[in-house]
Amino acid sequence: MNWLYGAWAVFEKDLRLELRNRYAVNMLLMFVLSSLFLVAFGIGETAVSTRVQGALLWVVILFSAAVGLGRSFISEEERGTVLLLQLNTRPSMVYAGKLLFNFLLILGVNIVALGAFMLLLRVDVRAPGLLLSTLALGALGLSGATTLLAAIIARAANKGPLLPVLLFPLLVPLLLSVVSATQAALPMGNGWNEAGDELLTLFGFAGVVITVSVLLFDYVWND
């Protein structure tokens, strides 16, 4: 119970700060909506395949996460609250609280991005449940990797460009799976029958990334 209380306290702190200044939410939403408007303008009336549609959606989501979630631990360094967290919480509590906050944040942005994507590109969905499951598993894997990398780069000299450089090579399996699963949920796809292996890959990727992050976070946080 103490561990759960500590993790929830970290999540609640981040949530209150975000509701107060709305930095990450505004940045993520502006990036997603601007990128999708550019994509819609660039495509115009040109017909694109469902795989290209899925790839465009997830490229926008991945870039927005790299831009918006990188400040998860940088803000702690700037406010000088790192020592306070180290003295009052265990590293696993900090990681769990930050992971929950990042997951809910990127999941909300994913849902907004999907709505804007369907509206601007006039995309129909054949299997809504499959698409929502893909968004949730993709958000879980993305937030798991981003939370650990954000802690690593928080103490680096050049914080800005490091997260995308470190993040994208790690997320190649995730990107391939979410694009294929999204394609299966769109028209001309085979729905759940086609996406079964991709969903297992996404679940396994999220599990491995989060497990490794928990094991490594003690060294990253206390170094």
Foldseek 3Di string as FASTA:
>chain_A
DVLVVLLVVLLVVVVVVCVVPVPLVVQLLVQLLVQLVVVLVVCPPPDDALLVLLLSLVVSLLVSCLQRLLCLCLVCVVVVCLVVCVVPHALLSNLSSQLVNQLVSSLVSSVVSVVSSCVSNVFDWQAVVLLSLLSNLLSLLSSLQSSLVSLQLSPPPPSRPPSVVVRVVLCPLSSVLSSQSSSLGTPPHVHCVRNVVSSVSSNVSSVVSNVVSSVCRNVSSVD
